[in-house]
N, C-alpha and C. Protein backbone atom coordinates (compact mmCIF):
# COMPACT_ATOMS: atom_id res chain seq x y z
N MET A 1 79.04 117.30 94.47
CA MET A 1 80.04 116.64 93.67
C MET A 1 80.93 115.77 94.55
N ILE A 2 81.25 114.61 94.06
CA ILE A 2 82.10 113.68 94.79
C ILE A 2 83.51 113.77 94.24
N ALA A 3 84.46 113.96 95.14
CA ALA A 3 85.88 113.99 94.78
C ALA A 3 86.57 112.80 95.43
N ILE A 4 87.47 112.17 94.69
CA ILE A 4 88.24 111.05 95.22
C ILE A 4 89.70 111.50 95.32
N ARG A 5 90.28 111.26 96.46
CA ARG A 5 91.68 111.63 96.67
C ARG A 5 92.39 110.54 97.44
N GLU A 6 93.69 110.65 97.49
CA GLU A 6 94.48 109.68 98.25
C GLU A 6 94.38 109.99 99.75
N PHE A 7 94.59 108.96 100.55
CA PHE A 7 94.61 109.07 102.00
C PHE A 7 95.68 110.06 102.44
N ARG A 8 95.37 110.80 103.50
CA ARG A 8 96.34 111.69 104.12
C ARG A 8 96.34 111.44 105.63
N LEU A 9 97.50 111.57 106.23
CA LEU A 9 97.55 111.49 107.69
C LEU A 9 96.56 112.50 108.25
N GLY A 10 95.82 112.09 109.23
CA GLY A 10 94.79 112.93 109.81
C GLY A 10 93.39 112.50 109.37
N ASP A 11 93.29 111.65 108.36
CA ASP A 11 91.99 111.15 107.89
C ASP A 11 91.42 110.05 108.78
N GLU A 12 92.23 109.50 109.65
CA GLU A 12 91.85 108.28 110.37
C GLU A 12 90.51 108.38 111.10
N ALA A 13 90.30 109.42 111.86
CA ALA A 13 89.05 109.55 112.63
C ALA A 13 87.85 109.69 111.71
N ASP A 14 87.99 110.45 110.63
CA ASP A 14 86.88 110.59 109.69
C ASP A 14 86.55 109.26 109.03
N LEU A 15 87.57 108.47 108.74
CA LEU A 15 87.33 107.17 108.11
C LEU A 15 86.70 106.19 109.11
N ARG A 16 87.03 106.33 110.37
CA ARG A 16 86.37 105.50 111.39
C ARG A 16 84.89 105.84 111.44
N ALA A 17 84.55 107.11 111.34
CA ALA A 17 83.14 107.52 111.33
C ALA A 17 82.42 106.94 110.12
N VAL A 18 83.06 106.93 108.96
CA VAL A 18 82.47 106.34 107.76
C VAL A 18 82.27 104.84 107.98
N PHE A 19 83.28 104.17 108.49
CA PHE A 19 83.24 102.73 108.77
C PHE A 19 82.06 102.39 109.68
N GLU A 20 81.95 103.09 110.80
CA GLU A 20 80.86 102.82 111.74
C GLU A 20 79.50 103.13 111.13
N SER A 21 79.39 104.22 110.41
CA SER A 21 78.13 104.59 109.78
C SER A 21 77.70 103.53 108.77
N SER A 22 78.66 103.06 107.99
CA SER A 22 78.37 102.06 106.98
C SER A 22 77.85 100.77 107.60
N ILE A 23 78.49 100.35 108.65
CA ILE A 23 78.11 99.07 109.26
C ILE A 23 76.88 99.22 110.14
N HIS A 24 76.87 100.21 111.02
CA HIS A 24 75.73 100.37 111.92
C HIS A 24 74.51 100.96 111.23
N GLY A 25 74.71 101.68 110.14
CA GLY A 25 73.58 102.31 109.45
C GLY A 25 73.10 101.57 108.23
N THR A 26 73.98 100.84 107.55
CA THR A 26 73.60 100.16 106.31
C THR A 26 73.63 98.65 106.47
N ALA A 27 74.76 98.10 106.90
CA ALA A 27 74.91 96.65 106.98
C ALA A 27 73.99 96.02 108.03
N ARG A 28 73.55 96.81 108.97
CA ARG A 28 72.70 96.24 110.04
C ARG A 28 71.41 95.66 109.51
N ARG A 29 71.03 96.05 108.29
CA ARG A 29 69.83 95.46 107.67
C ARG A 29 70.01 93.97 107.38
N ASP A 30 71.27 93.56 107.20
CA ASP A 30 71.55 92.18 106.80
C ASP A 30 72.28 91.36 107.86
N TYR A 31 72.58 91.96 109.00
CA TYR A 31 73.32 91.29 110.05
C TYR A 31 72.61 91.49 111.38
N THR A 32 72.87 90.59 112.32
CA THR A 32 72.31 90.74 113.66
C THR A 32 73.04 91.87 114.38
N GLN A 33 72.43 92.36 115.44
CA GLN A 33 73.07 93.42 116.23
C GLN A 33 74.39 92.94 116.79
N LEU A 34 74.46 91.70 117.22
CA LEU A 34 75.71 91.15 117.75
C LEU A 34 76.80 91.16 116.67
N GLN A 35 76.45 90.75 115.46
CA GLN A 35 77.43 90.75 114.37
C GLN A 35 77.92 92.17 114.07
N VAL A 36 77.00 93.11 114.02
CA VAL A 36 77.36 94.50 113.74
C VAL A 36 78.26 95.06 114.85
N ASP A 37 77.88 94.80 116.09
CA ASP A 37 78.67 95.30 117.22
C ASP A 37 80.06 94.66 117.28
N THR A 38 80.17 93.42 116.83
CA THR A 38 81.46 92.73 116.81
C THR A 38 82.32 93.26 115.66
N TRP A 39 81.70 93.50 114.52
CA TRP A 39 82.39 93.98 113.33
C TRP A 39 82.90 95.40 113.52
N ALA A 40 82.07 96.25 114.10
CA ALA A 40 82.43 97.67 114.27
C ALA A 40 82.07 98.12 115.68
N PRO A 41 82.85 97.67 116.67
CA PRO A 41 82.54 98.08 118.04
C PRO A 41 82.72 99.60 118.20
N ARG A 42 81.81 100.20 118.94
CA ARG A 42 81.90 101.64 119.19
C ARG A 42 83.15 101.97 120.00
N GLU A 43 83.51 101.07 120.90
CA GLU A 43 84.74 101.22 121.67
C GLU A 43 85.85 100.55 120.86
N HIS A 44 86.89 101.33 120.54
CA HIS A 44 87.98 100.77 119.75
C HIS A 44 89.28 101.48 120.13
N ASP A 45 90.38 100.93 119.67
CA ASP A 45 91.69 101.51 119.93
C ASP A 45 92.03 102.46 118.78
N PRO A 46 91.95 103.77 119.01
CA PRO A 46 92.23 104.73 117.94
C PRO A 46 93.62 104.60 117.33
N GLU A 47 94.60 104.22 118.14
CA GLU A 47 95.96 104.06 117.61
C GLU A 47 96.04 102.86 116.67
N ALA A 48 95.39 101.77 117.03
CA ALA A 48 95.37 100.58 116.17
C ALA A 48 94.62 100.90 114.87
N TRP A 49 93.51 101.63 115.00
CA TRP A 49 92.75 102.02 113.81
C TRP A 49 93.60 102.90 112.89
N ALA A 50 94.28 103.88 113.47
CA ALA A 50 95.13 104.78 112.68
C ALA A 50 96.22 103.99 111.96
N ALA A 51 96.83 103.06 112.66
CA ALA A 51 97.88 102.24 112.05
C ALA A 51 97.31 101.42 110.89
N ARG A 52 96.10 100.90 111.06
CA ARG A 52 95.46 100.11 109.99
C ARG A 52 95.20 100.98 108.76
N MET A 53 94.66 102.17 108.97
CA MET A 53 94.36 103.06 107.84
C MET A 53 95.65 103.48 107.14
N GLN A 54 96.68 103.76 107.91
CA GLN A 54 97.95 104.15 107.32
C GLN A 54 98.54 103.00 106.51
N ALA A 55 98.33 101.77 106.97
CA ALA A 55 98.86 100.60 106.28
C ALA A 55 98.14 100.33 104.96
N ILE A 56 96.83 100.50 104.94
CA ILE A 56 96.10 100.19 103.69
C ILE A 56 96.02 101.39 102.76
N ALA A 57 96.25 102.60 103.28
CA ALA A 57 96.29 103.84 102.47
C ALA A 57 95.14 103.91 101.46
N PRO A 58 93.90 104.01 101.95
CA PRO A 58 92.76 103.99 101.03
C PRO A 58 92.57 105.29 100.25
N PHE A 59 91.79 105.19 99.20
CA PHE A 59 91.28 106.38 98.52
C PHE A 59 90.14 106.90 99.38
N VAL A 60 89.96 108.20 99.42
CA VAL A 60 88.92 108.82 100.24
C VAL A 60 87.95 109.56 99.32
N ALA A 61 86.67 109.26 99.49
CA ALA A 61 85.63 109.97 98.75
C ALA A 61 85.12 111.10 99.63
N GLN A 62 85.06 112.30 99.05
CA GLN A 62 84.58 113.46 99.80
C GLN A 62 83.47 114.17 99.03
N ARG A 63 82.55 114.70 99.79
CA ARG A 63 81.53 115.60 99.26
C ARG A 63 81.58 116.85 100.12
N ASP A 64 81.77 117.99 99.48
CA ASP A 64 81.89 119.26 100.19
C ASP A 64 82.94 119.20 101.29
N GLY A 65 84.05 118.51 101.01
CA GLY A 65 85.16 118.43 101.94
C GLY A 65 84.98 117.45 103.08
N VAL A 66 83.87 116.71 103.09
CA VAL A 66 83.58 115.76 104.16
C VAL A 66 83.72 114.34 103.62
N ALA A 67 84.43 113.48 104.36
CA ALA A 67 84.60 112.09 103.95
C ALA A 67 83.25 111.37 103.99
N VAL A 68 82.89 110.75 102.87
CA VAL A 68 81.63 110.00 102.79
C VAL A 68 81.87 108.56 102.36
N GLY A 69 83.12 108.19 102.12
CA GLY A 69 83.45 106.81 101.76
C GLY A 69 84.94 106.64 101.63
N TYR A 70 85.38 105.39 101.62
CA TYR A 70 86.78 105.09 101.38
C TYR A 70 86.92 103.65 100.93
N ALA A 71 87.98 103.39 100.18
CA ALA A 71 88.26 102.04 99.70
C ALA A 71 89.74 101.97 99.35
N ASP A 72 90.28 100.77 99.42
CA ASP A 72 91.70 100.60 99.13
C ASP A 72 91.90 99.53 98.06
N LEU A 73 93.05 99.57 97.45
CA LEU A 73 93.50 98.53 96.54
C LEU A 73 94.90 98.16 96.96
N GLN A 74 95.08 96.91 97.38
CA GLN A 74 96.37 96.46 97.85
C GLN A 74 97.25 96.02 96.68
N PRO A 75 98.57 95.99 96.87
CA PRO A 75 99.48 95.66 95.78
C PRO A 75 99.16 94.33 95.08
N GLY A 76 98.64 93.37 95.80
CA GLY A 76 98.29 92.07 95.21
C GLY A 76 96.95 92.07 94.50
N GLY A 77 96.26 93.21 94.51
CA GLY A 77 94.97 93.31 93.83
C GLY A 77 93.76 93.15 94.73
N ASP A 78 93.96 92.89 96.00
CA ASP A 78 92.84 92.73 96.93
C ASP A 78 92.31 94.08 97.40
N ILE A 79 91.02 94.11 97.69
CA ILE A 79 90.39 95.25 98.35
C ILE A 79 90.15 94.83 99.79
N ASP A 80 90.72 95.55 100.73
CA ASP A 80 90.57 95.22 102.15
C ASP A 80 89.34 95.93 102.72
N HIS A 81 89.24 97.23 102.49
CA HIS A 81 88.11 98.02 102.99
C HIS A 81 87.42 98.69 101.81
N PHE A 82 86.09 98.72 101.87
CA PHE A 82 85.28 99.45 100.89
C PHE A 82 84.00 99.84 101.61
N TYR A 83 83.93 101.09 102.07
CA TYR A 83 82.82 101.53 102.90
C TYR A 83 82.30 102.88 102.45
N VAL A 84 80.99 103.02 102.50
CA VAL A 84 80.32 104.29 102.20
C VAL A 84 79.43 104.61 103.39
N ALA A 85 79.49 105.84 103.87
CA ALA A 85 78.66 106.26 105.00
C ALA A 85 77.18 106.05 104.66
N ALA A 86 76.41 105.68 105.65
CA ALA A 86 74.98 105.37 105.45
C ALA A 86 74.25 106.53 104.77
N GLU A 87 74.53 107.74 105.19
CA GLU A 87 73.81 108.90 104.64
C GLU A 87 74.19 109.20 103.19
N ALA A 88 75.27 108.58 102.71
CA ALA A 88 75.70 108.79 101.33
C ALA A 88 75.40 107.59 100.44
N GLY A 89 74.76 106.58 101.01
CA GLY A 89 74.43 105.39 100.23
C GLY A 89 73.49 105.69 99.08
N GLY A 90 73.69 105.00 97.96
CA GLY A 90 72.81 105.16 96.81
C GLY A 90 73.01 106.45 96.04
N GLN A 91 74.12 107.14 96.29
CA GLN A 91 74.37 108.44 95.65
C GLN A 91 75.60 108.43 94.75
N GLY A 92 76.09 107.26 94.41
CA GLY A 92 77.21 107.16 93.48
C GLY A 92 78.59 107.14 94.10
N VAL A 93 78.68 107.21 95.40
CA VAL A 93 79.99 107.25 96.06
C VAL A 93 80.76 105.96 95.79
N GLY A 94 80.11 104.82 95.96
CA GLY A 94 80.76 103.54 95.71
C GLY A 94 81.22 103.41 94.28
N GLY A 95 80.43 103.88 93.33
CA GLY A 95 80.82 103.84 91.92
C GLY A 95 82.06 104.67 91.65
N HIS A 96 82.12 105.85 92.24
CA HIS A 96 83.31 106.71 92.09
C HIS A 96 84.55 106.02 92.65
N LEU A 97 84.39 105.41 93.84
CA LEU A 97 85.52 104.71 94.44
C LEU A 97 85.95 103.53 93.57
N MET A 98 85.00 102.76 93.06
CA MET A 98 85.35 101.59 92.25
C MET A 98 86.04 102.02 90.96
N ARG A 99 85.59 103.07 90.33
CA ARG A 99 86.27 103.54 89.11
C ARG A 99 87.71 103.95 89.41
N ARG A 100 87.93 104.57 90.56
CA ARG A 100 89.30 104.95 90.93
C ARG A 100 90.16 103.72 91.18
N ILE A 101 89.60 102.73 91.85
CA ILE A 101 90.33 101.48 92.09
C ILE A 101 90.67 100.78 90.79
N LEU A 102 89.71 100.72 89.88
CA LEU A 102 89.95 100.08 88.58
C LEU A 102 91.02 100.83 87.79
N ALA A 103 90.99 102.14 87.82
CA ALA A 103 92.02 102.92 87.14
C ALA A 103 93.39 102.64 87.74
N GLN A 104 93.45 102.56 89.06
CA GLN A 104 94.71 102.25 89.74
C GLN A 104 95.19 100.85 89.36
N ALA A 105 94.27 99.90 89.30
CA ALA A 105 94.64 98.53 88.96
C ALA A 105 95.19 98.45 87.54
N ARG A 106 94.61 99.21 86.63
CA ARG A 106 95.08 99.19 85.24
C ARG A 106 96.49 99.76 85.11
N SER A 107 96.80 100.73 85.96
CA SER A 107 98.13 101.36 85.85
C SER A 107 99.13 100.49 86.60
């Protein structure tokens, strides 16, 4: 079962793992290795990443307590990040996140 919840401090590292998995495991089918490595470098600044996640405050998709995706909705209506871990692709995680974003947008 997929559960969607709000971001909590401490989620940052798990969301980085989802981000890297999504790009290196899924997006790499459509991008060159250089593009993938530039988009999601394995070496990164954890403090800058944490600040970014705290700023966008995404919804977190979990299965069995493990983060498998995340997405945000900004006050102006933009989505900055929308990522699903490669191993969770095609299993409805993105749909759950989008429904939560749409519900948030309506309210």
